[in-house]
Amino acid sequence: MSTGSSPRSRTRSPERATRALTRRDALVAFGAAVGALVARGACAQDYPAKPIRMIVPYAAGGATDTLARLVANRIDRELQQAVIVDNRGGGASQVGTQAIAASMPDGYTIGMIDTAFTINPGLFGKLPYDTVADFAAISLVATTPLVLVVHPSVAATSAQELVALARRKPGSIAVALPGLGTPVHLALEQLRQIAGLELIAVPYRGAGPSIADFIAGQVQMTFATIPSILDHVRSGRARALAIVGARATLLGDVPTVAEAGFPGIDATPMFGLVAPAAVPAAALGRLSAAVATAVQADPLRARLIDLGFVPVGSAPEAFRERIQSDITKYARIIEAGNIKPN
């Protein structure tokens, strides 16, 4: 006597169960993909929906901090959200840079970095972050030339005369450095290698003390950014001999180092914005466009030029390539000069 359906009618075969599970998984995956697309679309439309934090890996007051604040005060108008500068100094910029890398990659934390970002891999070797893999390049904001300057007491009115003097009197010229492994140090090292000079490197803890001693005549030579040295050149307290980078209208007829007979010296300081890796593409594009609009138009463009910066506002791809090429270039210079960190 039958008591119900047979076992066969109540149980699906393993093949049918697998097919059902596969269809269910496919539907779930499809739904997740659609949800992600909708979320990305909403992000593209809504970003930014709250204030943005801009980490500066230095204490307030330096060139990087100054530039960050100028840029923040303009891109907030483009983004229609406040951009708040957050200074995180320490560890030759490593403390603040690590804070950028460790932040949520949602587009609401970005960082203003400078040349130390690309020098540190070759100088320190092991860092608490990966300079390439842990960051997304947003934009190369600006550069600024370095100026080869001597104290007025030095009997040289050109780079050629300075080199000739250094060759006649090896070890007689002291050079102020704002720190070991800085762009100034690498520019000096390139000049030393190219011209075969014996110079005395005097490292300081920052550009302020190094320039103060240079102006006082305690050291005879240095490389300096235009914003930090321009007033001293105009007043006659420093004599500009050559420019590392392109000619600067603020310095009149001062030639480039290549024009002065020393091609191959390239340690031009750069400043740019980065974000944590995996930042949404929509946020990255929005940020890059805001920077380009801000730095390529007045009043910010005019202000940057007045301070000695060269406004750029590049696309993310171009800045990423610049970062990678600079890492390679500086590592080579550091190895050739056997430069060690402080």
C-alpha atoms as a PDB file:
ATOM      1  CA  MET A   1       0.000   0.000   0.000  1.00  0.00           C
ATOM      2  CA  SER A   2       1.329   3.358  -0.979  1.00  0.00           C
ATOM      3  CA  THR A   3       2.051   5.839   1.836  1.00  0.00           C
ATOM      4  CA  GLY A   4       3.088   8.857  -0.314  1.00  0.00           C
ATOM      5  CA  SER A   5       5.345   9.882  -3.125  1.00  0.00           C
ATOM      6  CA  SER A   6       8.308   7.769  -3.923  1.00  0.00           C
ATOM      7  CA  PRO A   7      11.802   8.848  -2.756  1.00  0.00           C
ATOM      8  CA  ARG A   8      12.659   9.615  -6.364  1.00  0.00           C
ATOM      9  CA  SER A   9       9.758  12.099  -6.652  1.00  0.00           C
ATOM     10  CA  ARG A  10      10.838  13.920  -3.461  1.00  0.00           C
ATOM     11  CA  THR A  11      14.631  14.189  -4.152  1.00  0.00           C
ATOM     12  CA  ARG A  12      16.319  16.085  -6.998  1.00  0.00           C
ATOM     13  CA  SER A  13      19.247  14.446  -8.647  1.00  0.00           C
ATOM     14  CA  PRO A  14      22.742  15.865  -7.857  1.00  0.00           C
ATOM     15  CA  GLU A  15      22.937  17.160 -11.437  1.00  0.00           C
ATOM     16  CA  ARG A  16      19.663  19.136 -11.102  1.00  0.00           C
ATOM     17  CA  ALA A  17      20.739  20.526  -7.712  1.00  0.00           C
ATOM     18  CA  THR A  18      24.055  21.683  -9.137  1.00  0.00           C
ATOM     19  CA  ARG A  19      22.333  23.373 -12.073  1.00  0.00           C
ATOM     20  CA  ALA A  20      19.940  25.176  -9.716  1.00  0.00           C
ATOM     21  CA  LEU A  21      22.806  26.296  -7.492  1.00  0.00           C
ATOM     22  CA  THR A  22      24.755  27.537 -10.489  1.00  0.00           C
ATOM     23  CA  ARG A  23      21.780  29.566 -11.727  1.00  0.00           C
ATOM     24  CA  ARG A  24      21.276  31.012  -8.261  1.00  0.00           C
ATOM     25  CA  ASP A  25      24.971  31.988  -7.984  1.00  0.00           C
ATOM     26  CA  ALA A  26      24.848  33.584 -11.406  1.00  0.00           C
ATOM     27  CA  LEU A  27      21.797  35.645 -10.444  1.00  0.00           C
ATOM     28  CA  VAL A  28      23.466  36.748  -7.194  1.00  0.00           C
ATOM     29  CA  ALA A  29      26.663  37.704  -9.031  1.00  0.00           C
ATOM     30  CA  PHE A  30      24.675  39.579 -11.670  1.00  0.00           C
ATOM     31  CA  GLY A  31      22.776  41.460  -8.976  1.00  0.00           C
ATOM     32  CA  ALA A  32      26.019  42.377  -7.210  1.00  0.00           C
ATOM     33  CA  ALA A  33      27.539  43.640 -10.445  1.00  0.00           C
ATOM     34  CA  VAL A  34      24.496  45.769 -11.209  1.00  0.00           C
ATOM     35  CA  GLY A  35      24.564  47.112  -7.661  1.00  0.00           C
ATOM     36  CA  ALA A  36      28.238  48.029  -8.002  1.00  0.00           C
ATOM     37  CA  LEU A  37      27.573  49.834 -11.280  1.00  0.00           C
ATOM     38  CA  VAL A  38      24.700  51.743  -9.720  1.00  0.00           C
ATOM     39  CA  ALA A  39      26.878  52.629  -6.720  1.00  0.00           C
ATOM     40  CA  ARG A  40      29.704  53.836  -8.977  1.00  0.00           C
ATOM     41  CA  GLY A  41      27.251  55.899 -10.956  1.00  0.00           C
ATOM     42  CA  ALA A  42      25.938  57.444  -7.770  1.00  0.00           C
ATOM     43  CA  CYS A  43      29.492  58.139  -6.644  1.00  0.00           C
ATOM     44  CA  ALA A  44      30.271  59.883  -9.922  1.00  0.00           C
ATOM     45  CA  GLN A  45      27.193  62.059  -9.511  1.00  0.00           C
ATOM     46  CA  ASP A  46      27.438  62.734  -5.761  1.00  0.00           C
ATOM     47  CA  TYR A  47      31.204  63.056  -5.178  1.00  0.00           C
ATOM     48  CA  PRO A  48      32.219  64.930  -3.180  1.00  0.00           C
ATOM     49  CA  ALA A  49      29.384  64.814  -0.678  1.00  0.00           C
ATOM     50  CA  LYS A  50      31.425  65.931   2.356  1.00  0.00           C
ATOM     51  CA  PRO A  51      34.649  67.841   3.176  1.00  0.00           C
ATOM     52  CA  ILE A  52      37.971  66.501   1.901  1.00  0.00           C
ATOM     53  CA  ARG A  53      41.093  66.193   4.044  1.00  0.00           C
ATOM     54  CA  MET A  54      44.448  67.114   2.441  1.00  0.00           C
ATOM     55  CA  ILE A  55      47.368  65.661   4.417  1.00  0.00           C
ATOM     56  CA  VAL A  56      50.664  67.575   4.172  1.00  0.00           C
ATOM     57  CA  PRO A  57      53.608  65.461   5.453  1.00  0.00           C
ATOM     58  CA  TYR A  58      55.375  68.501   6.943  1.00  0.00           C
ATOM     59  CA  ALA A  59      54.841  71.054   9.664  1.00  0.00           C
ATOM     60  CA  ALA A  60      53.067  74.258   8.673  1.00  0.00           C
ATOM     61  CA  GLY A  61      55.017  77.041   7.018  1.00  0.00           C
ATOM     62  CA  GLY A  62      57.201  75.412   4.349  1.00  0.00           C
ATOM     63  CA  ALA A  63      56.866  75.562   0.572  1.00  0.00           C
ATOM     64  CA  THR A  64      54.816  72.345   0.382  1.00  0.00           C
ATOM     65  CA  ASP A  65      52.412  73.558   3.065  1.00  0.00           C
ATOM     66  CA  THR A  66      52.110  77.000   1.434  1.00  0.00           C
ATOM     67  CA  LEU A  67      51.269  75.457  -1.918  1.00  0.00           C
ATOM     68  CA  ALA A  68      48.807  73.014  -0.348  1.00  0.00           C
ATOM     69  CA  ARG A  69      46.867  75.822   1.302  1.00  0.00           C
ATOM     70  CA  LEU A  70      46.748  77.896  -1.876  1.00  0.00           C
ATOM     71  CA  VAL A  71      45.465  74.908  -3.859  1.00  0.00           C
ATOM     72  CA  ALA A  72      42.983  73.875  -1.161  1.00  0.00           C
ATOM     73  CA  ASN A  73      41.503  77.373  -1.148  1.00  0.00           C
ATOM     74  CA  ARG A  74      40.796  77.150  -4.880  1.00  0.00           C
ATOM     75  CA  ILE A  75      39.776  73.547  -5.528  1.00  0.00           C
ATOM     76  CA  ASP A  76      37.163  73.764  -2.782  1.00  0.00           C
ATOM     77  CA  ARG A  77      35.301  76.144  -5.091  1.00  0.00           C
ATOM     78  CA  GLU A  78      35.574  73.706  -7.984  1.00  0.00           C
ATOM     79  CA  LEU A  79      34.414  70.791  -5.816  1.00  0.00           C
ATOM     80  CA  GLN A  80      31.824  72.746  -3.817  1.00  0.00           C
ATOM     81  CA  GLN A  81      33.184  71.213  -0.617  1.00  0.00           C
ATOM     82  CA  ALA A  82      35.672  72.362   2.008  1.00  0.00           C
ATOM     83  CA  VAL A  83      39.243  71.056   1.626  1.00  0.00           C
ATOM     84  CA  ILE A  84      40.913  70.944   5.055  1.00  0.00           C
ATOM     85  CA  VAL A  85      44.724  70.900   5.325  1.00  0.00           C
ATOM     86  CA  ASP A  86      46.067  68.429   7.909  1.00  0.00           C
ATOM     87  CA  ASN A  87      49.805  68.768   8.730  1.00  0.00           C
ATOM     88  CA  ARG A  88      51.509  65.474   9.670  1.00  0.00           C
ATOM     89  CA  GLY A  89      55.246  66.176   9.870  1.00  0.00           C
ATOM     90  CA  GLY A  90      58.031  63.797  10.855  1.00  0.00           C
ATOM     91  CA  GLY A  91      60.353  61.088   9.560  1.00  0.00           C
ATOM     92  CA  ALA A  92      61.556  62.963   6.465  1.00  0.00           C
ATOM     93  CA  SER A  93      57.900  63.164   5.324  1.00  0.00           C
ATOM     94  CA  GLN A  94      57.318  59.432   5.935  1.00  0.00           C
ATOM     95  CA  VAL A  95      54.850  59.880   8.823  1.00  0.00           C
ATOM     96  CA  GLY A  96      52.380  61.940   6.822  1.00  0.00           C
ATOM     97  CA  THR A  97      52.906  59.924   3.659  1.00  0.00           C
ATOM     98  CA  GLN A  98      52.103  56.692   5.501  1.00  0.00           C
ATOM     99  CA  ALA A  99      48.955  58.346   6.866  1.00  0.00           C
ATOM    100  CA  ILE A 100      47.849  59.033   3.286  1.00  0.00           C
ATOM    101  CA  ALA A 101      48.472  55.424   2.246  1.00  0.00           C
ATOM    102  CA  ALA A 102      46.602  54.028   5.273  1.00  0.00           C
ATOM    103  CA  SER A 103      43.503  56.201   4.774  1.00  0.00           C
ATOM    104  CA  MET A 104      40.195  54.953   3.411  1.00  0.00           C
ATOM    105  CA  PRO A 105      40.419  55.004  -0.421  1.00  0.00           C
ATOM    106  CA  ASP A 106      37.123  56.821  -0.872  1.00  0.00           C
ATOM    107  CA  GLY A 107      38.387  60.114  -2.295  1.00  0.00           C
ATOM    108  CA  TYR A 108      37.956  62.028   0.963  1.00  0.00           C
ATOM    109  CA  THR A 109      41.618  61.854   1.997  1.00  0.00           C
ATOM    110  CA  ILE A 110      44.318  63.105  -0.360  1.00  0.00           C
ATOM    111  CA  GLY A 111      47.888  64.269   0.178  1.00  0.00           C
ATOM    112  CA  MET A 112      50.221  66.987  -1.105  1.00  0.00           C
ATOM    113  CA  ILE A 113      53.617  65.385  -1.664  1.00  0.00           C
ATOM    114  CA  ASP A 114      56.888  66.796  -2.965  1.00  0.00           C
ATOM    115  CA  THR A 115      60.216  65.527  -4.303  1.00  0.00           C
ATOM    116  CA  ALA A 116      60.987  63.639  -1.070  1.00  0.00           C
ATOM    117  CA  PHE A 117      58.236  61.234  -2.128  1.00  0.00           C
ATOM    118  CA  THR A 118      60.396  60.051  -5.046  1.00  0.00           C
ATOM    119  CA  ILE A 119      63.789  60.461  -3.333  1.00  0.00           C
ATOM    120  CA  ASN A 120      62.989  58.428  -0.204  1.00  0.00           C
ATOM    121  CA  PRO A 121      62.793  54.993  -1.900  1.00  0.00           C
ATOM    122  CA  GLY A 122      66.416  55.284  -3.053  1.00  0.00           C
ATOM    123  CA  LEU A 123      67.603  57.011   0.113  1.00  0.00           C
ATOM    124  CA  PHE A 124      66.019  54.816   2.791  1.00  0.00           C
ATOM    125  CA  GLY A 125      65.435  51.561   0.913  1.00  0.00           C
ATOM    126  CA  LYS A 126      62.710  50.089   3.136  1.00  0.00           C
ATOM    127  CA  LEU A 127      59.735  52.384   3.747  1.00  0.00           C
ATOM    128  CA  PRO A 128      56.497  51.762   5.696  1.00  0.00           C
ATOM    129  CA  TYR A 129      54.625  51.961   2.381  1.00  0.00           C
ATOM    130  CA  ASP A 130      55.142  51.204  -1.310  1.00  0.00           C
ATOM    131  CA  THR A 131      55.631  54.501  -3.139  1.00  0.00           C
ATOM    132  CA  VAL A 132      54.107  53.143  -6.354  1.00  0.00           C
ATOM    133  CA  ALA A 133      51.610  50.462  -5.327  1.00  0.00           C
ATOM    134  CA  ASP A 134      50.037  52.204  -2.330  1.00  0.00           C
ATOM    135  CA  PHE A 135      49.108  55.480  -4.027  1.00  0.00           C
ATOM    136  CA  ALA A 136      47.021  56.786  -6.894  1.00  0.00           C
ATOM    137  CA  ALA A 137      48.482  59.812  -8.682  1.00  0.00           C
ATOM    138  CA  ILE A 138      46.011  62.702  -8.971  1.00  0.00           C
ATOM    139  CA  SER A 139      47.962  65.563 -10.527  1.00  0.00           C
ATOM    140  CA  LEU A 140      51.392  67.160 -10.748  1.00  0.00           C
ATOM    141  CA  VAL A 141      50.382  70.531  -9.309  1.00  0.00           C
ATOM    142  CA  ALA A 142      53.548  72.584  -9.844  1.00  0.00           C
ATOM    143  CA  THR A 143      57.322  72.595 -10.008  1.00  0.00           C
ATOM    144  CA  THR A 144      59.855  75.212  -8.991  1.00  0.00           C
ATOM    145  CA  PRO A 145      63.394  75.627 -10.313  1.00  0.00           C
ATOM    146  CA  LEU A 146      66.434  75.405  -8.085  1.00  0.00           C
ATOM    147  CA  VAL A 147      68.847  78.324  -8.319  1.00  0.00           C
ATOM    148  CA  LEU A 148      72.610  77.951  -7.932  1.00  0.00           C
ATOM    149  CA  VAL A 149      73.596  80.913  -5.772  1.00  0.00           C
ATOM    150  CA  VAL A 150      76.834  82.094  -4.176  1.00  0.00           C
ATOM    151  CA  HIS A 151      77.539  84.584  -1.430  1.00  0.00           C
ATOM    152  CA  PRO A 152      78.609  88.015  -2.785  1.00  0.00           C
ATOM    153  CA  SER A 153      82.053  87.450  -1.244  1.00  0.00           C
ATOM    154  CA  VAL A 154      82.741  84.622  -3.719  1.00  0.00           C
ATOM    155  CA  ALA A 155      84.817  85.781  -6.712  1.00  0.00           C
ATOM    156  CA  ALA A 156      82.586  84.189  -9.345  1.00  0.00           C
ATOM    157  CA  THR A 157      79.910  85.779 -11.511  1.00  0.00           C
ATOM    158  CA  SER A 158      79.052  82.673 -13.552  1.00  0.00           C
ATOM    159  CA  ALA A 159      78.811  78.924 -13.046  1.00  0.00           C
ATOM    160  CA  GLN A 160      81.932  78.450 -15.189  1.00  0.00           C
ATOM    161  CA  GLU A 161      83.912  80.841 -12.973  1.00  0.00           C
ATOM    162  CA  LEU A 162      82.647  79.076  -9.847  1.00  0.00           C
ATOM    163  CA  VAL A 163      83.743  75.683 -11.170  1.00  0.00           C
ATOM    164  CA  ALA A 164      87.147  77.086 -12.149  1.00  0.00           C
ATOM    165  CA  LEU A 165      87.566  78.547  -8.656  1.00  0.00           C
ATOM    166  CA  ALA A 166      86.576  75.265  -7.001  1.00  0.00           C
ATOM    167  CA  ARG A 167      89.081  73.390  -9.141  1.00  0.00           C
ATOM    168  CA  ARG A 168      91.898  75.809  -8.271  1.00  0.00           C
ATOM    169  CA  LYS A 169      91.114  75.582  -4.559  1.00  0.00           C
ATOM    170  CA  PRO A 170      89.694  72.131  -3.777  1.00  0.00           C
ATOM    171  CA  GLY A 171      87.768  71.994  -0.520  1.00  0.00           C
ATOM    172  CA  SER A 172      87.612  75.784  -0.164  1.00  0.00           C
ATOM    173  CA  ILE A 173      83.889  76.186  -0.900  1.00  0.00           C
ATOM    174  CA  ALA A 174      81.284  75.109   1.659  1.00  0.00           C
ATOM    175  CA  VAL A 175      77.780  74.329   0.402  1.00  0.00           C
ATOM    176  CA  ALA A 176      74.679  74.700   2.575  1.00  0.00           C
ATOM    177  CA  LEU A 177      72.231  71.796   2.353  1.00  0.00           C
ATOM    178  CA  PRO A 178      68.748  71.870   3.922  1.00  0.00           C
ATOM    179  CA  GLY A 179      69.261  68.170   4.660  1.00  0.00           C
ATOM    180  CA  LEU A 180      70.915  65.037   3.307  1.00  0.00           C
ATOM    181  CA  GLY A 181      69.093  63.452   0.392  1.00  0.00           C
ATOM    182  CA  THR A 182      67.132  66.617  -0.444  1.00  0.00           C
ATOM    183  CA  PRO A 183      66.800  67.976  -4.011  1.00  0.00           C
ATOM    184  CA  VAL A 184      69.483  70.545  -3.123  1.00  0.00           C
ATOM    185  CA  HIS A 185      71.828  67.751  -2.070  1.00  0.00           C
ATOM    186  CA  LEU A 186      71.147  65.760  -5.235  1.00  0.00           C
ATOM    187  CA  ALA A 187      71.670  68.839  -7.431  1.00  0.00           C
ATOM    188  CA  LEU A 188      75.002  69.418  -5.691  1.00  0.00           C
ATOM    189  CA  GLU A 189      75.950  65.765  -6.115  1.00  0.00           C
ATOM    190  CA  GLN A 190      75.202  65.907  -9.839  1.00  0.00           C
ATOM    191  CA  LEU A 191      77.330  69.055 -10.235  1.00  0.00           C
ATOM    192  CA  ARG A 192      80.131  67.431  -8.256  1.00  0.00           C
ATOM    193  CA  GLN A 193      80.026  64.299 -10.401  1.00  0.00           C
ATOM    194  CA  ILE A 194      79.793  66.154 -13.722  1.00  0.00           C
ATOM    195  CA  ALA A 195      82.440  68.802 -12.991  1.00  0.00           C
ATOM    196  CA  GLY A 196      84.706  66.661 -10.812  1.00  0.00           C
ATOM    197  CA  LEU A 197      84.687  69.069  -7.861  1.00  0.00           C
ATOM    198  CA  GLU A 198      85.748  68.733  -4.236  1.00  0.00           C
ATOM    199  CA  LEU A 199      83.225  70.703  -2.196  1.00  0.00           C
ATOM    200  CA  ILE A 200      82.354  70.724   1.500  1.00  0.00           C
ATOM    201  CA  ALA A 201      78.716  69.758   2.098  1.00  0.00           C
ATOM    202  CA  VAL A 202      77.239  71.285   5.266  1.00  0.00           C
ATOM    203  CA  PRO A 203      73.828  69.773   6.101  1.00  0.00           C
ATOM    204  CA  TYR A 204      71.223  71.634   8.163  1.00  0.00           C
ATOM    205  CA  ARG A 205      67.824  70.718   9.532  1.00  0.00           C
ATOM    206  CA  GLY A 206      65.706  72.560   7.015  1.00  0.00           C
ATOM    207  CA  ALA A 207      65.927  75.269   4.377  1.00  0.00           C
ATOM    208  CA  GLY A 208      65.469  78.134   6.838  1.00  0.00           C
ATOM    209  CA  PRO A 209      68.662  77.561   8.867  1.00  0.00           C
ATOM    210  CA  SER A 210      70.712  76.676   5.759  1.00  0.00           C
ATOM    211  CA  ILE A 211      69.765  79.873   3.932  1.00  0.00           C
ATOM    212  CA  ALA A 212      70.256  81.973   7.077  1.00  0.00           C
ATOM    213  CA  ASP A 213      73.854  80.771   7.411  1.00  0.00           C
ATOM    214  CA  PHE A 214      74.422  81.208   3.679  1.00  0.00           C
ATOM    215  CA  ILE A 215      73.224  84.828   3.782  1.00  0.00           C
ATOM    216  CA  ALA A 216      75.428  85.416   6.831  1.00  0.00           C
ATOM    217  CA  GLY A 217      78.458  84.176   4.879  1.00  0.00           C
ATOM    218  CA  GLN A 218      79.055  81.097   7.038  1.00  0.00           C
ATOM    219  CA  VAL A 219      78.849  78.998   3.855  1.00  0.00           C
ATOM    220  CA  GLN A 220      79.619  80.212   0.359  1.00  0.00           C
ATOM    221  CA  MET A 221      77.206  78.391  -1.922  1.00  0.00           C
ATOM    222  CA  THR A 222      73.864  76.632  -2.111  1.00  0.00           C
ATOM    223  CA  PHE A 223      71.011  75.656  -4.390  1.00  0.00           C
ATOM    224  CA  ALA A 224      67.673  77.135  -3.365  1.00  0.00           C
ATOM    225  CA  THR A 225      64.119  77.329  -4.634  1.00  0.00           C
ATOM    226  CA  ILE A 226      63.019  80.623  -6.153  1.00  0.00           C
ATOM    227  CA  PRO A 227      60.426  81.292  -3.412  1.00  0.00           C
ATOM    228  CA  SER A 228      63.096  80.944  -0.710  1.00  0.00           C
ATOM    229  CA  ILE A 229      65.918  82.928  -2.357  1.00  0.00           C
ATOM    230  CA  LEU A 230      64.318  85.511  -4.665  1.00  0.00           C
ATOM    231  CA  ASP A 231      64.236  88.386  -2.164  1.00  0.00           C
ATOM    232  CA  HIS A 232      67.897  87.795  -1.259  1.00  0.00           C
ATOM    233  CA  VAL A 233      68.925  87.844  -4.923  1.00  0.00           C
ATOM    234  CA  ARG A 234      67.020  91.061  -5.520  1.00  0.00           C
ATOM    235  CA  SER A 235      68.616  92.691  -2.479  1.00  0.00           C
ATOM    236  CA  GLY A 236      72.133  91.646  -3.474  1.00  0.00           C
ATOM    237  CA  ARG A 237      72.666  89.328  -0.498  1.00  0.00           C
ATOM    238  CA  ALA A 238      72.935  86.365  -2.914  1.00  0.00           C
ATOM    239  CA  ARG A 239      74.234  86.111  -6.477  1.00  0.00           C
ATOM    240  CA  ALA A 240      72.316  83.824  -8.848  1.00  0.00           C
ATOM    241  CA  LEU A 241      74.568  81.983 -11.312  1.00  0.00           C
ATOM    242  CA  ALA A 242      72.365  79.333 -12.950  1.00  0.00           C
ATOM    243  CA  ILE A 243      68.954  77.688 -12.809  1.00  0.00           C
ATOM    244  CA  VAL A 244      68.215  73.969 -12.527  1.00  0.00           C
ATOM    245  CA  GLY A 245      65.177  73.733 -14.779  1.00  0.00           C
ATOM    246  CA  ALA A 246      63.697  76.202 -17.221  1.00  0.00           C
ATOM    247  CA  ARG A 247      64.580  79.890 -17.246  1.00  0.00           C
ATOM    248  CA  ALA A 248      62.562  82.017 -14.845  1.00  0.00           C
ATOM    249  CA  THR A 249      61.299  85.466 -15.773  1.00  0.00           C
ATOM    250  CA  LEU A 250      61.648  86.459 -12.105  1.00  0.00           C
ATOM    251  CA  LEU A 251      65.418  86.023 -12.432  1.00  0.00           C
ATOM    252  CA  GLY A 252      65.924  87.956 -15.650  1.00  0.00           C
ATOM    253  CA  ASP A 253      68.859  86.723 -17.740  1.00  0.00           C
ATOM    254  CA  VAL A 254      70.147  84.032 -15.361  1.00  0.00           C
ATOM    255  CA  PRO A 255      70.952  81.029 -17.596  1.00  0.00           C
ATOM    256  CA  THR A 256      70.043  77.405 -17.017  1.00  0.00           C
ATOM    257  CA  VAL A 257      72.767  75.017 -15.856  1.00  0.00           C
ATOM    258  CA  ALA A 258      72.710  73.451 -19.328  1.00  0.00           C
ATOM    259  CA  GLU A 259      73.245  76.853 -20.946  1.00  0.00           C
ATOM    260  CA  ALA A 260      76.045  77.474 -18.450  1.00  0.00           C
ATOM    261  CA  GLY A 261      77.842  74.369 -19.715  1.00  0.00           C
ATOM    262  CA  PHE A 262      76.669  71.687 -17.285  1.00  0.00           C
ATOM    263  CA  PRO A 263      73.866  69.649 -18.874  1.00  0.00           C
ATOM    264  CA  GLY A 264      72.552  66.643 -17.012  1.00  0.00           C
ATOM    265  CA  ILE A 265      71.813  68.352 -13.692  1.00  0.00           C
ATOM    266  CA  ASP A 266      68.144  67.719 -12.953  1.00  0.00           C
ATOM    267  CA  ALA A 267      66.741  67.809  -9.446  1.00  0.00           C
ATOM    268  CA  THR A 268      63.831  70.153 -10.032  1.00  0.00           C
ATOM    269  CA  PRO A 269      61.506  70.111  -7.007  1.00  0.00           C
ATOM    270  CA  MET A 270      57.971  69.020  -7.808  1.00  0.00           C
ATOM    271  CA  PHE A 271      54.715  69.117  -5.863  1.00  0.00           C
ATOM    272  CA  GLY A 272      51.671  66.943  -6.509  1.00  0.00           C
ATOM    273  CA  LEU A 273      48.525  65.410  -5.115  1.00  0.00           C
ATOM    274  CA  VAL A 274      48.074  61.696  -4.467  1.00  0.00           C
ATOM    275  CA  ALA A 275      45.361  59.536  -2.925  1.00  0.00           C
ATOM    276  CA  PRO A 276      45.356  56.066  -1.377  1.00  0.00           C
ATOM    277  CA  ALA A 277      45.436  53.286  -3.957  1.00  0.00           C
ATOM    278  CA  ALA A 278      42.046  51.944  -5.122  1.00  0.00           C
ATOM    279  CA  VAL A 279      40.388  55.355  -4.913  1.00  0.00           C
ATOM    280  CA  PRO A 280      37.276  55.325  -7.136  1.00  0.00           C
ATOM    281  CA  ALA A 281      37.984  56.397 -10.715  1.00  0.00           C
ATOM    282  CA  ALA A 282      35.152  58.925 -10.558  1.00  0.00           C
ATOM    283  CA  ALA A 283      36.705  60.663  -7.547  1.00  0.00           C
ATOM    284  CA  LEU A 284      40.175  60.572  -9.100  1.00  0.00           C
ATOM    285  CA  GLY A 285      38.935  62.192 -12.303  1.00  0.00           C
ATOM    286  CA  ARG A 286      36.950  64.824 -10.425  1.00  0.00           C
ATOM    287  CA  LEU A 287      39.940  65.769  -8.260  1.00  0.00           C
ATOM    288  CA  SER A 288      42.355  65.912 -11.194  1.00  0.00           C
ATOM    289  CA  ALA A 289      40.007  68.107 -13.210  1.00  0.00           C
ATOM    290  CA  ALA A 290      39.539  70.465 -10.250  1.00  0.00           C
ATOM    291  CA  VAL A 291      43.292  70.859  -9.825  1.00  0.00           C
ATOM    292  CA  ALA A 292      43.868  71.506 -13.531  1.00  0.00           C
ATOM    293  CA  THR A 293      41.136  74.133 -13.622  1.00  0.00           C
ATOM    294  CA  ALA A 294      42.424  75.835 -10.482  1.00  0.00           C
ATOM    295  CA  VAL A 295      46.159  76.041 -11.257  1.00  0.00           C
ATOM    296  CA  GLN A 296      45.852  76.862 -14.941  1.00  0.00           C
ATOM    297  CA  ALA A 297      43.632  79.901 -14.412  1.00  0.00           C
ATOM    298  CA  ASP A 298      43.974  83.166 -12.505  1.00  0.00           C
ATOM    299  CA  PRO A 299      44.033  84.158  -9.730  1.00  0.00           C
ATOM    300  CA  LEU A 300      45.853  81.008  -8.505  1.00  0.00           C
ATOM    301  CA  ARG A 301      48.070  80.729 -11.587  1.00  0.00           C
ATOM    302  CA  ALA A 302      49.263  84.321 -11.229  1.00  0.00           C
ATOM    303  CA  ARG A 303      49.848  83.882  -7.506  1.00  0.00           C
ATOM    304  CA  LEU A 304      51.925  80.738  -8.011  1.00  0.00           C
ATOM    305  CA  ILE A 305      54.068  82.422 -10.666  1.00  0.00           C
ATOM    306  CA  ASP A 306      54.626  85.417  -8.386  1.00  0.00           C
ATOM    307  CA  LEU A 307      55.916  83.030  -5.714  1.00  0.00           C
ATOM    308  CA  GLY A 308      58.298  81.284  -8.130  1.00  0.00           C
ATOM    309  CA  PHE A 309      56.274  78.160  -8.847  1.00  0.00           C
ATOM    310  CA  VAL A 310      55.569  76.795 -12.335  1.00  0.00           C
ATOM    311  CA  PRO A 311      51.881  75.751 -12.462  1.00  0.00           C
ATOM    312  CA  VAL A 312      51.223  72.405 -14.187  1.00  0.00           C
ATOM    313  CA  GLY A 313      47.939  70.628 -13.319  1.00  0.00           C
ATOM    314  CA  SER A 314      48.673  67.373 -15.160  1.00  0.00           C
ATOM    315  CA  ALA A 315      46.461  64.356 -15.766  1.00  0.00           C
ATOM    316  CA  PRO A 316      46.880  61.341 -13.421  1.00  0.00           C
ATOM    317  CA  GLU A 317      48.656  59.241 -16.060  1.00  0.00           C
ATOM    318  CA  ALA A 318      51.332  61.878 -16.721  1.00  0.00           C
ATOM    319  CA  PHE A 319      51.962  62.362 -13.004  1.00  0.00           C
ATOM    320  CA  ARG A 320      52.227  58.617 -12.428  1.00  0.00           C
ATOM    321  CA  GLU A 321      54.877  58.397 -15.148  1.00  0.00           C
ATOM    322  CA  ARG A 322      56.771  61.335 -13.612  1.00  0.00           C
ATOM    323  CA  ILE A 323      56.787  59.640 -10.211  1.00  0.00           C
ATOM    324  CA  GLN A 324      58.163  56.395 -11.605  1.00  0.00           C
ATOM    325  CA  SER A 325      60.876  58.089 -13.686  1.00  0.00           C
ATOM    326  CA  ASP A 326      61.960  60.305 -10.771  1.00  0.00           C
ATOM    327  CA  ILE A 327      62.260  57.309  -8.433  1.00  0.00           C
ATOM    328  CA  THR A 328      64.634  55.658 -10.914  1.00  0.00           C
ATOM    329  CA  LYS A 329      66.637  58.847 -11.559  1.00  0.00           C
ATOM    330  CA  TYR A 330      67.166  59.742  -7.915  1.00  0.00           C
ATOM    331  CA  ALA A 331      68.037  56.184  -6.892  1.00  0.00           C
ATOM    332  CA  ARG A 332      70.801  56.222  -9.491  1.00  0.00           C
ATOM    333  CA  ILE A 333      72.205  59.553  -8.224  1.00  0.00           C
ATOM    334  CA  ILE A 334      72.047  58.404  -4.585  1.00  0.00           C
ATOM    335  CA  GLU A 335      73.855  55.159  -5.365  1.00  0.00           C
ATOM    336  CA  ALA A 336      76.578  56.899  -7.413  1.00  0.00           C
ATOM    337  CA  GLY A 337      77.190  59.405  -4.629  1.00  0.00           C
ATOM    338  CA  ASN A 338      76.923  56.820  -1.818  1.00  0.00           C
ATOM    339  CA  ILE A 339      74.466  59.158  -0.084  1.00  0.00           C
ATOM    340  CA  LYS A 340      73.098  58.011   3.254  1.00  0.00           C
ATOM    341  CA  PRO A 341      70.136  59.431   5.233  1.00  0.00           C
ATOM    342  CA  ASN A 342      70.636  61.623   8.286  1.00  0.00           C
END
